């Protein structure tokens, strides 16, 4: 018959009381060591979870700050919406507005206009598409757009640029307007519709918006309500 192997407790026993006490102390130490190891591992895992939560809190907070900053920036730096004007006018007199009498006629080639920029007269059969241009546009096509009720805003690029140009653009409606530089202009800014023109020294001049209120999409033009798109895109259109 095969003898039964001794149990662990049997192996850790001794007939010598002093030796048995030493064995018992060693077992307690091992148990305490294991307990300390488990405690250390638990504390390690707990600290790891805390660090993970802290990292995600920092990431979340940073992301929230960035998002809020982007929202604020989009509001602060977003371009101002186009101005809204009522088509036609009420016969209001605006100081400084010059009035002319120009005939309308379709012609080919260049035209020697009486006004600079021209405020009407013979013009090309193709109108200039309304919009913002950073290069000079053909007089003959722009005049045709005036015939349709558009307002042509020209500026001397030697006088108006940067913030001044941005201010000038802030006065403009979304359609039936042409903005373009005009080399050799005898004033910083000229605002023109068919047979009417205002020249001012500053983009902050309140008369610019008064001019739009009175003459933008005026019925007192040769072809009121005709299109200001679908024709010629001159170079430099934005």
Protein backbone atom coordinates (compact mmCIF):
# COMPACT_ATOMS: atom_id res chain seq x y z
CA UNK A 1 0.00 0.00 0.00
CA UNK A 2 1.44 3.36 -1.05
CA UNK A 3 1.88 5.75 1.88
CA UNK A 4 -0.12 9.06 1.81
CA UNK A 5 2.17 12.08 1.24
CA UNK A 6 2.26 14.49 4.08
CA UNK A 7 0.03 17.60 3.84
CA UNK A 8 1.58 21.09 3.71
CA UNK A 9 0.60 21.55 7.31
CA UNK A 10 2.40 18.36 8.16
CA UNK A 11 5.49 19.62 6.38
CA UNK A 12 5.33 22.89 8.35
CA UNK A 13 5.17 21.15 11.77
CA UNK A 14 7.90 20.13 14.11
CA UNK A 15 8.10 18.31 17.36
CA UNK A 16 10.46 21.00 18.65
CA UNK A 17 8.42 23.88 20.19
CA UNK A 18 11.10 26.46 19.38
CA UNK A 19 11.33 25.20 15.81
CA UNK A 20 7.54 25.14 15.48
CA UNK A 21 7.37 28.75 16.64
CA UNK A 22 9.91 29.69 14.01
CA UNK A 23 7.87 27.88 11.35
CA UNK A 24 4.65 29.62 12.45
CA UNK A 25 6.40 33.01 12.36
CA UNK A 26 7.67 32.32 8.83
CA UNK A 27 4.13 31.43 7.66
CA UNK A 28 2.77 34.65 9.16
CA UNK A 29 5.50 36.65 7.49
CA UNK A 30 4.71 35.05 4.15
CA UNK A 31 1.03 35.75 4.59
CA UNK A 32 1.76 39.35 5.58
CA UNK A 33 4.08 39.72 2.63
CA UNK A 34 1.37 38.43 0.29
CA UNK A 35 -1.14 40.76 1.89
CA UNK A 36 1.23 43.70 1.46
CA UNK A 37 1.85 42.71 -2.16
CA UNK A 38 -1.91 42.58 -2.84
CA UNK A 39 -2.36 45.91 -1.08
CA UNK A 40 0.47 47.45 -3.09
CA UNK A 41 -1.00 46.11 -6.35
CA UNK A 42 -4.43 47.46 -5.41
CA UNK A 43 -2.97 50.86 -4.60
CA UNK A 44 -1.05 50.77 -7.89
CA UNK A 45 -4.22 50.02 -9.85
CA UNK A 46 -6.11 52.68 -7.90
CA UNK A 47 -3.42 55.26 -8.67
CA UNK A 48 -3.49 54.23 -12.35
CA UNK A 49 -7.26 54.72 -12.50
CA UNK A 50 -6.90 58.11 -10.84
CA UNK A 51 -4.23 59.15 -13.33
CA UNK A 52 -6.40 57.94 -16.19
CA UNK A 53 -9.36 59.95 -14.90
CA UNK A 54 -7.11 62.99 -14.48
CA UNK A 55 -5.78 62.65 -18.02
CA UNK A 56 -9.27 62.37 -19.47
CA UNK A 57 -10.42 65.31 -17.34
CA UNK A 58 -7.52 67.41 -18.62
CA UNK A 59 -8.14 66.30 -22.22
CA UNK A 60 -11.87 66.95 -21.91
CA UNK A 61 -11.34 70.35 -20.31
CA UNK A 62 -8.76 71.33 -22.92
CA UNK A 63 -11.05 70.21 -25.74
CA UNK A 64 -13.92 72.18 -24.25
CA UNK A 65 -11.75 75.28 -23.96
CA UNK A 66 -10.59 74.88 -27.56
CA UNK A 67 -14.15 74.42 -28.81
CA UNK A 68 -15.36 77.46 -26.88
CA UNK A 69 -12.41 79.45 -28.22
CA UNK A 70 -13.23 78.42 -31.78
CA UNK A 71 -16.86 79.39 -31.31
CA UNK A 72 -15.91 82.78 -29.87
CA UNK A 73 -13.36 83.34 -32.64
CA UNK A 74 -15.88 82.43 -35.31
CA UNK A 75 -18.25 85.02 -33.87
CA UNK A 76 -15.65 87.73 -33.33
CA UNK A 77 -13.80 87.30 -36.62
CA UNK A 78 -16.69 86.31 -38.86
CA UNK A 79 -17.29 88.79 -41.66
CA UNK A 80 -20.20 91.10 -41.09
CA UNK A 81 -23.35 90.11 -42.99
CA UNK A 82 -24.16 92.20 -46.07
CA UNK A 83 -26.10 95.38 -45.51
CA UNK A 84 -29.80 95.32 -46.30
CA UNK A 85 -31.22 98.25 -48.24
CA UNK A 86 -34.67 98.92 -49.64
CA UNK A 87 -34.71 99.12 -53.44
CA UNK A 88 -35.51 102.56 -54.81
CA UNK A 89 -35.38 105.90 -53.06
CA UNK A 90 -37.51 108.66 -51.63
CA UNK A 91 -35.94 111.65 -53.27
CA UNK A 92 -33.65 112.42 -50.33
CA UNK A 93 -30.94 114.95 -51.10
CA UNK A 94 -27.47 113.83 -50.08
CA UNK A 95 -24.75 116.41 -49.67
CA UNK A 96 -22.05 116.07 -52.29
CA UNK A 97 -23.99 113.97 -54.81
CA UNK A 98 -23.42 115.12 -58.39
CA UNK A 99 -26.22 114.59 -60.92
CA UNK A 100 -25.71 114.12 -64.67
CA UNK A 101 -27.66 113.49 -67.84
CA UNK A 102 -26.29 110.58 -69.84
CA UNK A 103 -27.86 108.89 -72.83
CA UNK A 104 -27.96 105.11 -73.13
CA UNK A 105 -26.65 103.38 -76.24
CA UNK A 106 -24.93 100.08 -76.98
CA UNK A 107 -21.56 100.50 -78.67
CA UNK A 108 -18.43 98.53 -79.41
CA UNK A 109 -14.91 99.40 -78.31
CA UNK A 110 -13.81 101.88 -75.68
CA UNK A 111 -15.74 105.01 -74.75
CA UNK A 112 -14.39 108.41 -73.72
CA UNK A 113 -16.66 109.15 -70.76
CA UNK A 114 -17.42 112.60 -69.40
CA UNK A 115 -17.25 111.45 -65.76
CA UNK A 116 -14.50 109.54 -63.97
CA UNK A 117 -15.60 106.93 -63.08
CA UNK A 118 -18.41 107.03 -65.66
CA UNK A 119 -21.93 107.51 -64.33
CA UNK A 120 -23.76 106.44 -67.48
CA UNK A 121 -23.60 106.91 -71.21
CA UNK A 122 -22.83 104.62 -74.16
CA UNK A 123 -21.73 101.17 -73.08
CA UNK A 124 -20.99 97.62 -74.15
CA UNK A 125 -23.91 95.34 -74.95
CA UNK A 126 -22.66 92.88 -72.29
CA UNK A 127 -23.03 93.92 -68.68
CA UNK A 128 -20.48 93.19 -65.95
CA UNK A 129 -21.52 90.62 -63.39
CA UNK A 130 -21.98 92.26 -60.02
CA UNK A 131 -19.52 91.32 -57.29
CA UNK A 132 -16.23 92.25 -55.65
CA UNK A 133 -13.16 92.70 -57.84
CA UNK A 134 -9.56 93.28 -56.81
CA UNK A 135 -8.57 94.49 -60.28
CA UNK A 136 -9.92 97.38 -62.37
CA UNK A 137 -12.95 96.42 -64.46
CA UNK A 138 -13.93 97.58 -67.97
CA UNK A 139 -15.83 100.88 -67.85
CA UNK A 140 -18.07 99.96 -70.76
CA UNK A 141 -19.35 96.77 -69.09
CA UNK A 142 -19.71 98.31 -65.63
CA UNK A 143 -21.81 101.16 -67.05
CA UNK A 144 -24.20 98.59 -68.49
CA UNK A 145 -24.62 97.22 -64.94
CA UNK A 146 -25.46 100.75 -63.76
CA UNK A 147 -28.20 100.74 -66.41
CA UNK A 148 -29.72 97.76 -64.57
CA UNK A 149 -29.81 99.54 -61.20
CA UNK A 150 -26.47 98.46 -59.72
CA UNK A 151 -24.25 100.73 -57.64
CA UNK A 152 -20.58 100.85 -58.60
CA UNK A 153 -18.17 101.51 -55.72
CA UNK A 154 -14.67 102.43 -56.84
CA UNK A 155 -11.65 103.30 -54.73
CA UNK A 156 -8.14 104.61 -55.26
CA UNK A 157 -5.85 101.73 -54.21
CA UNK A 158 -3.21 104.27 -53.14
CA UNK A 159 -5.62 105.58 -50.49
CA UNK A 160 -7.86 102.66 -49.56
CA UNK A 161 -6.52 99.27 -48.45
CA UNK A 162 -6.48 96.94 -45.44
CA UNK A 163 -8.88 98.00 -42.69
CA UNK A 164 -10.21 100.90 -44.77
CA UNK A 165 -11.13 98.52 -47.57
CA UNK A 166 -12.78 96.15 -45.08
CA UNK A 167 -14.80 99.06 -43.71
CA UNK A 168 -15.84 100.02 -47.21
CA UNK A 169 -16.94 96.46 -47.94
CA UNK A 170 -19.03 96.44 -44.74
CA UNK A 171 -21.37 99.00 -46.33
CA UNK A 172 -22.16 96.82 -49.34
CA UNK A 173 -25.32 94.80 -49.99
CA UNK A 174 -25.13 91.21 -51.21
CA UNK A 175 -26.15 91.94 -54.79
CA UNK A 176 -26.50 94.68 -57.41
CA UNK A 177 -23.19 96.16 -56.37
CA UNK A 178 -19.76 96.29 -57.98
CA UNK A 179 -16.61 97.02 -55.99
CA UNK A 180 -13.34 97.59 -57.81
CA UNK A 181 -10.12 99.62 -57.60
CA UNK A 182 -9.87 102.56 -59.99
CA UNK A 183 -6.40 103.79 -60.88
CA UNK A 184 -5.99 107.58 -60.92
CA UNK A 185 -9.26 108.27 -59.12
CA UNK A 186 -9.29 111.88 -57.91
CA UNK A 187 -10.82 110.92 -54.53
CA UNK A 188 -10.27 107.99 -52.19
CA UNK A 189 -13.77 106.62 -52.90
CA UNK A 190 -16.48 107.19 -55.51
CA UNK A 191 -19.99 105.72 -55.25
CA UNK A 192 -21.91 105.75 -58.52
CA UNK A 193 -25.26 104.78 -59.95
CA UNK A 194 -26.79 105.81 -63.27
CA UNK A 195 -26.48 109.62 -63.48
CA UNK A 196 -25.51 110.05 -59.81
CA UNK A 197 -22.12 110.06 -58.13
CA UNK A 198 -20.71 110.75 -54.67
CA UNK A 199 -17.03 111.13 -53.87
CA UNK A 200 -15.82 110.85 -50.27
CA UNK A 201 -12.50 110.86 -48.43
CA UNK A 202 -13.18 108.10 -45.91
CA UNK A 203 -14.75 104.65 -45.80
CA UNK A 204 -16.42 105.73 -42.55
CA UNK A 205 -18.42 108.47 -44.28
CA UNK A 206 -22.09 107.95 -43.41
CA UNK A 207 -23.14 109.25 -46.81
CA UNK A 208 -22.03 105.98 -48.43
CA UNK A 209 -24.92 104.11 -46.86
CA UNK A 210 -27.24 107.06 -47.50
CA UNK A 211 -26.34 106.79 -51.18
CA UNK A 212 -27.29 103.09 -51.19
CA UNK A 213 -30.55 103.81 -49.42
CA UNK A 214 -31.46 106.34 -52.10
CA UNK A 215 -30.06 104.88 -55.33
CA UNK A 216 -29.53 101.12 -54.95
CA UNK A 217 -31.74 99.24 -57.43
CA UNK A 218 -33.36 102.53 -58.34
CA UNK A 219 -36.33 102.56 -60.68
CA UNK A 220 -34.92 105.74 -62.23
CA UNK A 221 -32.52 103.89 -64.55
CA UNK A 222 -32.91 102.84 -68.20
CA UNK A 223 -33.49 99.15 -67.42
CA UNK A 224 -34.66 98.79 -63.79
CA UNK A 225 -34.76 95.22 -62.48
CA UNK A 226 -32.66 93.75 -65.27
CA UNK A 227 -30.14 91.07 -64.25
CA UNK A 228 -26.77 91.78 -62.71
CA UNK A 229 -25.38 88.28 -63.28
CA UNK A 230 -25.03 85.73 -66.05
CA UNK A 231 -22.87 87.91 -68.30
CA UNK A 232 -19.20 89.00 -68.01
CA UNK A 233 -16.85 88.00 -65.19
CA UNK A 234 -13.93 90.39 -65.39
CA UNK A 235 -10.47 89.36 -64.11
CA UNK A 236 -9.98 89.72 -60.37
CA UNK A 237 -13.47 88.74 -59.27
CA UNK A 238 -13.57 87.35 -55.74
